[in-house]
Amino acid sequence: MHTDKPQLYATLTNAAEKSVRHLLVFFVDGSRETQLVQISDGVESLLLTDTEYETREKANTLIQQWVTQENFTRPRDGYAFEPLERTVSLAKRMGFKVVYDARFKSMTWPNPNITGAVDLSSWPGMIPKNGGGYLYALDQMRLHARPTLPPSQEPLVAPTEGKEFAAFILKHKAVLDTVGSYREFILAGDD
């Protein structure tokens, strides 16, 4: 299977090192010539130019090495959350140019924006409240924004007992809710 658009082949994370790696497959000349590109913590590297079959074989080998030798895993929820700049860079590399954000909808003349379309390069991301932040993740056509807790002096350690654990989770969620909500945005290219 191939398309003319780049494909986000795999995303892996190493929680201990707070590191994220993406593998992308770019179709230069259909299946005859493809490129395997690694983006690791925002830094891009061309790993291979070959046929689609060889490119995917190399990608699978790399994934196995990262899992067995470097303690990388696939994210539990399928998304690897990173700072806005890294996520926007990845999205642009995959050919996306526009994000649809309802906050930017406007019917004001002479420049109405009925769809809320914003150029990805100038999109400010979410605006956190109460000292928190946001991290972002990308799937094949959506951008996800997740609030993060404000910096704290005390370590975040969850109790192991039932009632105490439930109270901890509720408190944690209440603080996250004061930062902002989880949001999803549709992305588009120029076609």
N, C-alpha and C. Protein backbone atom coordinates (compact mmCIF):
# COMPACT_ATOMS: atom_id res chain seq x y z
N MET A 1 0.83 -1.18 0.00
CA MET A 1 0.00 0.00 0.00
C MET A 1 0.87 1.24 0.00
N HIS A 2 0.61 2.15 -0.91
CA HIS A 2 1.33 3.41 -0.87
C HIS A 2 0.45 4.55 -1.33
N THR A 3 0.79 5.72 -0.91
CA THR A 3 0.12 6.93 -1.34
C THR A 3 1.20 7.93 -1.70
N ASP A 4 0.81 9.04 -2.25
CA ASP A 4 1.80 10.07 -2.56
C ASP A 4 2.17 10.88 -1.33
N LYS A 5 1.36 10.82 -0.30
CA LYS A 5 1.64 11.55 0.94
C LYS A 5 2.59 10.74 1.81
N PRO A 6 3.41 11.41 2.60
CA PRO A 6 4.25 10.70 3.56
C PRO A 6 3.38 9.93 4.55
N GLN A 7 3.92 8.84 5.04
CA GLN A 7 3.19 8.03 6.01
C GLN A 7 3.95 8.01 7.33
N LEU A 8 3.23 8.29 8.42
CA LEU A 8 3.80 8.16 9.76
C LEU A 8 3.78 6.67 10.07
N TYR A 9 4.93 6.01 9.89
CA TYR A 9 5.00 4.56 9.97
C TYR A 9 4.96 4.07 11.41
N ALA A 10 5.69 4.75 12.29
CA ALA A 10 5.72 4.33 13.70
C ALA A 10 6.14 5.50 14.58
N THR A 11 5.64 5.47 15.81
CA THR A 11 6.05 6.42 16.84
C THR A 11 6.34 5.61 18.09
N LEU A 12 7.53 5.85 18.66
CA LEU A 12 7.92 5.15 19.88
C LEU A 12 8.43 6.16 20.91
N THR A 13 8.27 5.80 22.18
CA THR A 13 8.71 6.68 23.25
C THR A 13 9.58 5.92 24.24
N ASN A 14 10.45 6.66 24.90
CA ASN A 14 11.23 6.14 26.00
C ASN A 14 10.92 7.05 27.19
N ALA A 15 10.05 6.57 28.07
CA ALA A 15 9.56 7.40 29.17
C ALA A 15 10.69 7.84 30.10
N ALA A 16 11.64 6.95 30.37
CA ALA A 16 12.73 7.28 31.29
C ALA A 16 13.57 8.44 30.77
N GLU A 17 13.80 8.47 29.47
CA GLU A 17 14.60 9.54 28.87
C GLU A 17 13.75 10.67 28.32
N LYS A 18 12.43 10.53 28.40
CA LYS A 18 11.49 11.52 27.85
C LYS A 18 11.83 11.80 26.38
N SER A 19 12.01 10.73 25.63
CA SER A 19 12.42 10.82 24.24
C SER A 19 11.34 10.24 23.33
N VAL A 20 11.16 10.86 22.16
CA VAL A 20 10.18 10.40 21.17
C VAL A 20 10.88 10.24 19.83
N ARG A 21 10.58 9.12 19.16
CA ARG A 21 11.10 8.87 17.81
C ARG A 21 9.95 8.54 16.87
N HIS A 22 10.00 9.16 15.70
CA HIS A 22 9.02 8.89 14.65
C HIS A 22 9.75 8.33 13.44
N LEU A 23 9.13 7.38 12.77
CA LEU A 23 9.62 6.90 11.49
C LEU A 23 8.59 7.27 10.44
N LEU A 24 9.04 7.93 9.37
CA LEU A 24 8.17 8.33 8.28
C LEU A 24 8.64 7.68 6.99
N VAL A 25 7.69 7.28 6.17
CA VAL A 25 7.99 6.73 4.85
C VAL A 25 7.52 7.75 3.82
N PHE A 26 8.44 8.21 2.98
CA PHE A 26 8.13 9.16 1.90
C PHE A 26 8.20 8.42 0.57
N PHE A 27 7.20 8.61 -0.26
CA PHE A 27 7.15 7.97 -1.57
C PHE A 27 7.67 8.96 -2.60
N VAL A 28 8.90 8.72 -3.07
CA VAL A 28 9.53 9.60 -4.04
C VAL A 28 9.04 9.25 -5.44
N ASP A 29 9.04 7.95 -5.76
CA ASP A 29 8.59 7.46 -7.07
C ASP A 29 7.76 6.20 -6.85
N GLY A 30 6.60 6.38 -6.21
CA GLY A 30 5.75 5.23 -5.90
C GLY A 30 6.50 4.25 -5.02
N SER A 31 6.27 2.95 -5.25
CA SER A 31 6.95 1.90 -4.47
C SER A 31 8.38 1.68 -4.91
N ARG A 32 8.75 2.18 -6.08
CA ARG A 32 10.11 1.97 -6.60
C ARG A 32 11.16 2.71 -5.80
N GLU A 33 10.81 3.91 -5.34
CA GLU A 33 11.78 4.70 -4.58
C GLU A 33 11.08 5.35 -3.40
N THR A 34 11.46 4.94 -2.21
CA THR A 34 10.92 5.52 -0.99
C THR A 34 12.06 5.92 -0.08
N GLN A 35 11.75 6.80 0.84
CA GLN A 35 12.75 7.23 1.82
C GLN A 35 12.23 6.91 3.22
N LEU A 36 13.14 6.48 4.07
CA LEU A 36 12.83 6.28 5.48
C LEU A 36 13.50 7.41 6.25
N VAL A 37 12.68 8.19 6.96
CA VAL A 37 13.16 9.34 7.69
C VAL A 37 12.85 9.14 9.17
N GLN A 38 13.83 9.41 10.01
CA GLN A 38 13.65 9.35 11.45
C GLN A 38 13.63 10.77 11.98
N ILE A 39 12.65 11.06 12.84
CA ILE A 39 12.64 12.33 13.57
C ILE A 39 12.72 11.96 15.05
N SER A 40 13.82 12.32 15.65
CA SER A 40 14.08 11.96 17.05
C SER A 40 14.20 13.25 17.86
N ASP A 41 13.24 13.47 18.76
CA ASP A 41 13.22 14.67 19.59
C ASP A 41 13.37 15.94 18.76
N GLY A 42 12.71 15.95 17.60
CA GLY A 42 12.69 17.12 16.74
C GLY A 42 13.80 17.19 15.71
N VAL A 43 14.75 16.25 15.75
CA VAL A 43 15.87 16.26 14.81
C VAL A 43 15.63 15.21 13.73
N GLU A 44 15.69 15.65 12.48
CA GLU A 44 15.39 14.78 11.35
C GLU A 44 16.64 14.17 10.74
N SER A 45 16.55 12.87 10.37
CA SER A 45 17.66 12.18 9.71
C SER A 45 17.10 11.28 8.61
N LEU A 46 17.70 11.36 7.43
CA LEU A 46 17.36 10.44 6.35
C LEU A 46 18.13 9.15 6.60
N LEU A 47 17.42 8.02 6.74
CA LEU A 47 18.06 6.75 7.06
C LEU A 47 18.30 5.88 5.85
N LEU A 48 17.41 5.95 4.85
CA LEU A 48 17.48 5.01 3.74
C LEU A 48 16.67 5.52 2.56
N THR A 49 17.18 5.29 1.36
CA THR A 49 16.41 5.47 0.14
C THR A 49 16.48 4.15 -0.60
N ASP A 50 15.32 3.51 -0.84
CA ASP A 50 15.28 2.18 -1.46
C ASP A 50 13.85 1.92 -1.92
N THR A 51 13.56 0.68 -2.23
CA THR A 51 12.20 0.31 -2.60
C THR A 51 11.31 0.36 -1.34
N GLU A 52 10.01 0.37 -1.56
CA GLU A 52 9.10 0.39 -0.42
C GLU A 52 9.29 -0.83 0.46
N TYR A 53 9.47 -2.00 -0.14
CA TYR A 53 9.66 -3.23 0.63
C TYR A 53 10.90 -3.11 1.53
N GLU A 54 12.02 -2.71 0.96
CA GLU A 54 13.27 -2.60 1.73
C GLU A 54 13.16 -1.52 2.81
N THR A 55 12.47 -0.44 2.48
CA THR A 55 12.29 0.64 3.45
C THR A 55 11.49 0.15 4.66
N ARG A 56 10.41 -0.57 4.40
CA ARG A 56 9.59 -1.08 5.50
C ARG A 56 10.33 -2.15 6.30
N GLU A 57 11.12 -2.98 5.63
CA GLU A 57 11.93 -3.97 6.33
C GLU A 57 12.92 -3.29 7.28
N LYS A 58 13.58 -2.24 6.79
CA LYS A 58 14.53 -1.49 7.62
C LYS A 58 13.80 -0.84 8.80
N ALA A 59 12.61 -0.29 8.54
CA ALA A 59 11.82 0.33 9.61
C ALA A 59 11.48 -0.69 10.69
N ASN A 60 11.04 -1.87 10.29
CA ASN A 60 10.69 -2.91 11.26
C ASN A 60 11.91 -3.35 12.06
N THR A 61 13.06 -3.46 11.41
CA THR A 61 14.30 -3.82 12.10
C THR A 61 14.66 -2.75 13.14
N LEU A 62 14.56 -1.49 12.75
CA LEU A 62 14.86 -0.39 13.68
C LEU A 62 13.92 -0.40 14.88
N ILE A 63 12.65 -0.60 14.62
CA ILE A 63 11.68 -0.64 15.71
C ILE A 63 12.05 -1.74 16.71
N GLN A 64 12.39 -2.91 16.21
CA GLN A 64 12.79 -4.02 17.09
C GLN A 64 14.04 -3.67 17.90
N GLN A 65 15.02 -3.03 17.26
CA GLN A 65 16.23 -2.63 17.97
C GLN A 65 15.91 -1.61 19.07
N TRP A 66 15.11 -0.65 18.76
CA TRP A 66 14.77 0.38 19.74
C TRP A 66 14.03 -0.22 20.93
N VAL A 67 13.16 -1.18 20.66
CA VAL A 67 12.40 -1.81 21.74
C VAL A 67 13.29 -2.69 22.60
N THR A 68 14.12 -3.53 21.97
CA THR A 68 14.91 -4.49 22.72
C THR A 68 16.19 -3.90 23.32
N GLN A 69 16.81 -2.94 22.64
CA GLN A 69 18.10 -2.44 23.10
C GLN A 69 18.04 -1.07 23.78
N GLU A 70 17.00 -0.27 23.48
CA GLU A 70 16.98 1.10 24.00
C GLU A 70 15.73 1.41 24.83
N ASN A 71 14.94 0.38 25.16
CA ASN A 71 13.76 0.52 26.02
C ASN A 71 12.69 1.47 25.49
N PHE A 72 12.54 1.53 24.18
CA PHE A 72 11.45 2.30 23.60
C PHE A 72 10.22 1.41 23.53
N THR A 73 9.05 2.04 23.60
CA THR A 73 7.77 1.33 23.49
C THR A 73 6.84 2.16 22.63
N ARG A 74 5.80 1.50 22.14
CA ARG A 74 4.74 2.25 21.45
C ARG A 74 3.90 2.90 22.54
N PRO A 75 3.49 4.14 22.35
CA PRO A 75 2.67 4.81 23.37
C PRO A 75 1.40 4.03 23.66
N ARG A 76 1.02 3.96 24.93
CA ARG A 76 -0.16 3.21 25.34
C ARG A 76 -1.43 3.67 24.63
N ASP A 77 -1.63 4.97 24.57
CA ASP A 77 -2.84 5.48 23.94
C ASP A 77 -2.65 5.74 22.44
N GLY A 78 -1.48 5.39 21.91
CA GLY A 78 -1.21 5.56 20.49
C GLY A 78 -0.59 6.89 20.12
N TYR A 79 -0.53 7.82 21.05
CA TYR A 79 -0.02 9.15 20.75
C TYR A 79 1.19 9.47 21.62
N ALA A 80 2.19 10.07 21.00
CA ALA A 80 3.37 10.52 21.73
C ALA A 80 3.28 12.04 21.83
N PHE A 81 3.06 12.54 23.02
CA PHE A 81 2.88 13.98 23.23
C PHE A 81 4.22 14.67 23.38
N GLU A 82 4.35 15.77 22.64
CA GLU A 82 5.59 16.55 22.60
C GLU A 82 5.24 18.04 22.63
N PRO A 83 6.26 18.91 22.74
CA PRO A 83 6.01 20.34 22.67
C PRO A 83 5.42 20.73 21.29
N LEU A 84 4.75 21.85 21.25
CA LEU A 84 4.08 22.33 20.05
C LEU A 84 5.03 22.41 18.85
N GLU A 85 6.22 22.97 19.04
CA GLU A 85 7.14 23.16 17.92
C GLU A 85 7.48 21.84 17.23
N ARG A 86 7.73 20.81 18.00
CA ARG A 86 8.08 19.51 17.44
C ARG A 86 6.89 18.89 16.69
N THR A 87 5.72 19.02 17.26
CA THR A 87 4.53 18.44 16.64
C THR A 87 4.18 19.17 15.35
N VAL A 88 4.28 20.49 15.36
CA VAL A 88 4.01 21.27 14.14
C VAL A 88 5.05 20.93 13.08
N SER A 89 6.29 20.80 13.46
CA SER A 89 7.34 20.43 12.51
C SER A 89 7.06 19.07 11.88
N LEU A 90 6.65 18.10 12.69
CA LEU A 90 6.30 16.78 12.17
C LEU A 90 5.11 16.87 11.22
N ALA A 91 4.09 17.62 11.62
CA ALA A 91 2.90 17.76 10.77
C ALA A 91 3.24 18.41 9.43
N LYS A 92 4.08 19.43 9.46
CA LYS A 92 4.48 20.09 8.21
C LYS A 92 5.30 19.14 7.34
N ARG A 93 6.14 18.34 7.96
CA ARG A 93 6.96 17.38 7.20
C ARG A 93 6.08 16.33 6.53
N MET A 94 4.93 16.05 7.14
CA MET A 94 3.99 15.09 6.57
C MET A 94 3.07 15.72 5.52
N GLY A 95 3.27 17.01 5.24
CA GLY A 95 2.52 17.66 4.17
C GLY A 95 1.32 18.47 4.62
N PHE A 96 1.10 18.60 5.93
CA PHE A 96 -0.02 19.40 6.41
C PHE A 96 0.37 20.87 6.42
N LYS A 97 -0.60 21.70 6.07
CA LYS A 97 -0.34 23.14 6.03
C LYS A 97 -1.37 23.95 6.84
N VAL A 98 -2.51 23.33 7.13
CA VAL A 98 -3.62 24.05 7.77
C VAL A 98 -4.14 23.25 8.95
N VAL A 99 -4.50 23.96 10.02
CA VAL A 99 -5.20 23.35 11.15
C VAL A 99 -6.54 24.07 11.28
N TYR A 100 -7.60 23.29 11.52
CA TYR A 100 -8.93 23.88 11.70
C TYR A 100 -9.20 24.01 13.19
N ASP A 101 -9.34 25.25 13.64
CA ASP A 101 -9.52 25.57 15.05
C ASP A 101 -10.73 26.49 15.18
N ALA A 102 -11.77 26.01 15.84
CA ALA A 102 -13.03 26.76 15.97
C ALA A 102 -12.83 28.12 16.64
N ARG A 103 -11.78 28.27 17.42
CA ARG A 103 -11.52 29.56 18.07
C ARG A 103 -11.26 30.68 17.05
N PHE A 104 -10.88 30.30 15.82
CA PHE A 104 -10.54 31.28 14.79
C PHE A 104 -11.66 31.50 13.78
N LYS A 105 -12.82 30.87 14.00
CA LYS A 105 -13.97 31.11 13.11
C LYS A 105 -14.42 32.55 13.26
N SER A 106 -14.75 33.13 12.11
CA SER A 106 -15.19 34.52 12.13
C SER A 106 -16.06 34.78 10.90
N MET A 107 -17.09 35.56 11.10
CA MET A 107 -17.96 35.97 9.99
C MET A 107 -17.73 37.44 9.66
N THR A 108 -16.72 38.04 10.26
CA THR A 108 -16.45 39.46 10.08
C THR A 108 -15.91 39.74 8.69
N TRP A 109 -16.53 40.69 8.04
CA TRP A 109 -16.11 41.10 6.70
C TRP A 109 -15.02 42.13 6.83
N PRO A 110 -13.99 42.22 6.09
CA PRO A 110 -13.80 41.68 4.75
C PRO A 110 -13.05 40.35 4.73
N ASN A 111 -12.63 39.82 5.87
CA ASN A 111 -11.87 38.56 5.90
C ASN A 111 -12.55 37.50 6.75
N PRO A 112 -13.69 36.99 6.30
CA PRO A 112 -14.35 35.96 7.11
C PRO A 112 -13.54 34.66 7.10
N ASN A 113 -13.65 33.92 8.19
CA ASN A 113 -12.99 32.61 8.29
C ASN A 113 -14.04 31.63 8.79
N ILE A 114 -14.86 31.16 7.90
CA ILE A 114 -16.01 30.33 8.25
C ILE A 114 -15.59 28.99 8.83
N THR A 115 -14.48 28.44 8.37
CA THR A 115 -14.04 27.11 8.81
C THR A 115 -13.09 27.13 10.00
N GLY A 116 -12.53 28.29 10.32
CA GLY A 116 -11.53 28.35 11.38
C GLY A 116 -10.16 27.89 10.92
N ALA A 117 -9.92 27.91 9.61
CA ALA A 117 -8.62 27.46 9.06
C ALA A 117 -7.52 28.44 9.45
N VAL A 118 -6.41 27.88 9.93
CA VAL A 118 -5.26 28.68 10.33
C VAL A 118 -4.02 28.03 9.72
N ASP A 119 -3.13 28.85 9.18
CA ASP A 119 -1.86 28.33 8.67
C ASP A 119 -1.12 27.67 9.83
N LEU A 120 -0.68 26.44 9.62
CA LEU A 120 -0.04 25.66 10.68
C LEU A 120 1.19 26.38 11.24
N SER A 121 1.91 27.09 10.38
CA SER A 121 3.12 27.81 10.83
C SER A 121 2.82 28.93 11.82
N SER A 122 1.62 29.49 11.75
CA SER A 122 1.30 30.60 12.64
C SER A 122 0.31 30.23 13.74
N TRP A 123 -0.11 28.98 13.79
CA TRP A 123 -1.07 28.55 14.80
C TRP A 123 -0.42 28.60 16.19
N PRO A 124 -1.04 29.29 17.16
CA PRO A 124 -0.41 29.46 18.47
C PRO A 124 -0.57 28.27 19.41
N GLY A 125 -1.39 27.30 19.06
CA GLY A 125 -1.66 26.19 19.97
C GLY A 125 -2.66 26.63 21.03
N MET A 126 -2.79 25.81 22.04
CA MET A 126 -3.73 26.09 23.12
C MET A 126 -3.10 27.05 24.12
N ILE A 127 -3.95 27.81 24.79
CA ILE A 127 -3.47 28.75 25.80
C ILE A 127 -3.83 28.19 27.17
N PRO A 128 -2.83 27.69 27.91
CA PRO A 128 -3.11 27.10 29.22
C PRO A 128 -3.41 28.17 30.27
N LYS A 129 -4.08 27.74 31.31
CA LYS A 129 -4.40 28.63 32.43
C LYS A 129 -3.76 28.07 33.70
N ASN A 130 -3.69 28.90 34.71
CA ASN A 130 -3.27 28.50 36.06
C ASN A 130 -1.89 27.85 36.12
N GLY A 131 -0.98 28.30 35.27
CA GLY A 131 0.41 27.84 35.34
C GLY A 131 0.69 26.51 34.68
N GLY A 132 -0.30 25.89 34.07
CA GLY A 132 -0.09 24.62 33.39
C GLY A 132 0.46 24.80 31.99
N GLY A 133 0.39 23.75 31.21
CA GLY A 133 0.89 23.81 29.84
C GLY A 133 0.10 22.86 28.96
N TYR A 134 0.56 22.71 27.74
CA TYR A 134 -0.02 21.76 26.80
C TYR A 134 1.07 21.01 26.09
N LEU A 135 0.80 19.75 25.81
CA LEU A 135 1.63 18.94 24.94
C LEU A 135 0.75 18.49 23.78
N TYR A 136 1.39 18.16 22.65
CA TYR A 136 0.66 17.89 21.42
C TYR A 136 1.13 16.58 20.81
N ALA A 137 0.21 15.93 20.11
CA ALA A 137 0.53 14.67 19.42
C ALA A 137 -0.16 14.68 18.06
N LEU A 138 0.36 13.86 17.17
CA LEU A 138 -0.14 13.80 15.81
C LEU A 138 -0.51 12.37 15.47
N ASP A 139 -1.66 12.19 14.81
CA ASP A 139 -1.94 10.90 14.19
C ASP A 139 -1.93 11.15 12.68
N GLN A 140 -2.57 10.33 11.90
CA GLN A 140 -2.47 10.47 10.45
C GLN A 140 -3.15 11.73 9.90
N MET A 141 -4.11 12.30 10.63
CA MET A 141 -4.73 13.52 10.12
C MET A 141 -5.29 14.46 11.19
N ARG A 142 -4.99 14.18 12.45
CA ARG A 142 -5.46 15.04 13.54
C ARG A 142 -4.31 15.42 14.44
N LEU A 143 -4.48 16.57 15.07
CA LEU A 143 -3.54 17.03 16.07
C LEU A 143 -4.27 17.02 17.40
N HIS A 144 -3.66 16.43 18.41
CA HIS A 144 -4.26 16.30 19.75
C HIS A 144 -3.53 17.23 20.71
N ALA A 145 -4.29 17.92 21.55
CA ALA A 145 -3.71 18.83 22.56
C ALA A 145 -4.14 18.35 23.94
N ARG A 146 -3.17 18.09 24.81
CA ARG A 146 -3.43 17.57 26.15
C ARG A 146 -2.86 18.53 27.19
N PRO A 147 -3.68 18.92 28.18
CA PRO A 147 -3.16 19.81 29.22
C PRO A 147 -2.16 19.08 30.11
N THR A 148 -1.25 19.85 30.68
CA THR A 148 -0.26 19.30 31.63
C THR A 148 -0.35 20.08 32.93
N LEU A 149 0.05 19.44 33.99
CA LEU A 149 -0.01 20.06 35.32
C LEU A 149 0.99 21.20 35.45
N PRO A 150 0.66 22.19 36.28
CA PRO A 150 1.64 23.23 36.57
C PRO A 150 2.84 22.62 37.29
N PRO A 151 4.00 23.25 37.19
CA PRO A 151 5.17 22.75 37.93
C PRO A 151 4.87 22.71 39.42
N SER A 152 5.38 21.68 40.10
CA SER A 152 5.12 21.52 41.53
C SER A 152 6.42 21.21 42.26
N GLN A 153 6.50 21.67 43.49
CA GLN A 153 7.68 21.40 44.30
C GLN A 153 7.66 20.00 44.88
N GLU A 154 6.46 19.45 45.08
CA GLU A 154 6.36 18.11 45.66
C GLU A 154 6.24 17.06 44.57
N PRO A 155 6.82 15.89 44.80
CA PRO A 155 6.75 14.83 43.79
C PRO A 155 5.31 14.32 43.62
N LEU A 156 4.99 13.93 42.40
CA LEU A 156 3.67 13.41 42.09
C LEU A 156 3.71 11.89 42.24
N VAL A 157 3.29 11.41 43.41
CA VAL A 157 3.32 9.98 43.71
C VAL A 157 1.90 9.53 44.05
N ALA A 158 1.40 8.58 43.28
CA ALA A 158 0.04 8.08 43.51
C ALA A 158 0.04 7.04 44.62
N PRO A 159 -0.92 7.15 45.54
CA PRO A 159 -1.05 6.10 46.57
C PRO A 159 -1.51 4.79 45.94
N THR A 160 -1.28 3.69 46.62
CA THR A 160 -1.64 2.39 46.07
C THR A 160 -2.97 1.86 46.59
N GLU A 161 -3.49 2.45 47.65
CA GLU A 161 -4.76 1.99 48.23
C GLU A 161 -5.94 2.51 47.42
N GLY A 162 -7.04 1.78 47.42
CA GLY A 162 -8.22 2.08 46.61
C GLY A 162 -8.79 3.46 46.79
N LYS A 163 -9.25 3.81 48.00
CA LYS A 163 -9.89 5.10 48.22
C LYS A 163 -8.91 6.25 48.05
N GLU A 164 -7.70 6.08 48.55
CA GLU A 164 -6.70 7.13 48.44
C GLU A 164 -6.30 7.34 46.98
N PHE A 165 -6.22 6.24 46.24
CA PHE A 165 -5.88 6.34 44.82
C PHE A 165 -6.98 7.06 44.05
N ALA A 166 -8.23 6.72 44.31
CA ALA A 166 -9.36 7.37 43.65
C ALA A 166 -9.37 8.87 43.97
N ALA A 167 -9.13 9.23 45.23
CA ALA A 167 -9.09 10.64 45.62
C ALA A 167 -7.96 11.37 44.91
N PHE A 168 -6.79 10.70 44.80
CA PHE A 168 -5.63 11.27 44.11
C PHE A 168 -5.98 11.56 42.65
N ILE A 169 -6.60 10.60 41.96
CA ILE A 169 -6.96 10.76 40.55
C ILE A 169 -7.96 11.90 40.38
N LEU A 170 -8.95 11.97 41.24
CA LEU A 170 -9.94 13.05 41.15
C LEU A 170 -9.29 14.43 41.37
N LYS A 171 -8.37 14.51 42.32
CA LYS A 171 -7.66 15.76 42.57
C LYS A 171 -6.81 16.14 41.37
N HIS A 172 -6.10 15.17 40.83
CA HIS A 172 -5.25 15.36 39.65
C HIS A 172 -6.09 15.87 38.47
N LYS A 173 -7.23 15.24 38.23
CA LYS A 173 -8.11 15.64 37.13
C LYS A 173 -8.65 17.03 37.35
N ALA A 174 -9.00 17.37 38.58
CA ALA A 174 -9.53 18.71 38.88
C ALA A 174 -8.49 19.78 38.57
N VAL A 175 -7.22 19.52 38.90
CA VAL A 175 -6.16 20.48 38.61
C VAL A 175 -5.97 20.60 37.09
N LEU A 176 -5.98 19.47 36.38
CA LEU A 176 -5.85 19.51 34.92
C LEU A 176 -7.00 20.30 34.29
N ASP A 177 -8.19 20.13 34.82
CA ASP A 177 -9.35 20.85 34.27
C ASP A 177 -9.20 22.36 34.42
N THR A 178 -8.46 22.82 35.44
CA THR A 178 -8.25 24.26 35.58
C THR A 178 -7.25 24.79 34.56
N VAL A 179 -6.42 23.91 34.00
CA VAL A 179 -5.44 24.31 32.98
C VAL A 179 -6.14 24.49 31.64
N GLY A 180 -7.03 23.55 31.29
CA GLY A 180 -7.74 23.60 30.02
C GLY A 180 -8.23 22.22 29.66
N SER A 181 -8.90 22.12 28.53
CA SER A 181 -9.48 20.84 28.13
C SER A 181 -8.64 20.15 27.06
N TYR A 182 -8.84 18.85 26.97
CA TYR A 182 -8.22 18.05 25.90
C TYR A 182 -8.94 18.42 24.61
N ARG A 183 -8.20 18.66 23.53
CA ARG A 183 -8.81 19.05 22.27
C ARG A 183 -8.20 18.28 21.11
N GLU A 184 -8.98 18.11 20.06
CA GLU A 184 -8.51 17.52 18.80
C GLU A 184 -8.78 18.51 17.68
N PHE A 185 -7.85 18.58 16.73
CA PHE A 185 -7.97 19.49 15.60
C PHE A 185 -7.72 18.71 14.31
N ILE A 186 -8.49 19.02 13.28
CA ILE A 186 -8.31 18.38 11.98
C ILE A 186 -7.20 19.15 11.23
N LEU A 187 -6.35 18.41 10.53
CA LEU A 187 -5.29 19.00 9.72
C LEU A 187 -5.60 18.79 8.25
N ALA A 188 -5.06 19.65 7.41
CA ALA A 188 -5.25 19.51 5.97
C ALA A 188 -3.99 19.98 5.25
N GLY A 189 -3.81 19.44 4.05
CA GLY A 189 -2.72 19.89 3.18
C GLY A 189 -3.22 20.98 2.27
N ASP A 190 -2.65 21.04 1.10
CA ASP A 190 -3.07 22.09 0.17
C ASP A 190 -3.90 21.55 -0.98
N ASP A 191 -4.38 20.27 -0.87
CA ASP A 191 -5.20 19.75 -1.97
C ASP A 191 -6.65 19.75 -1.66
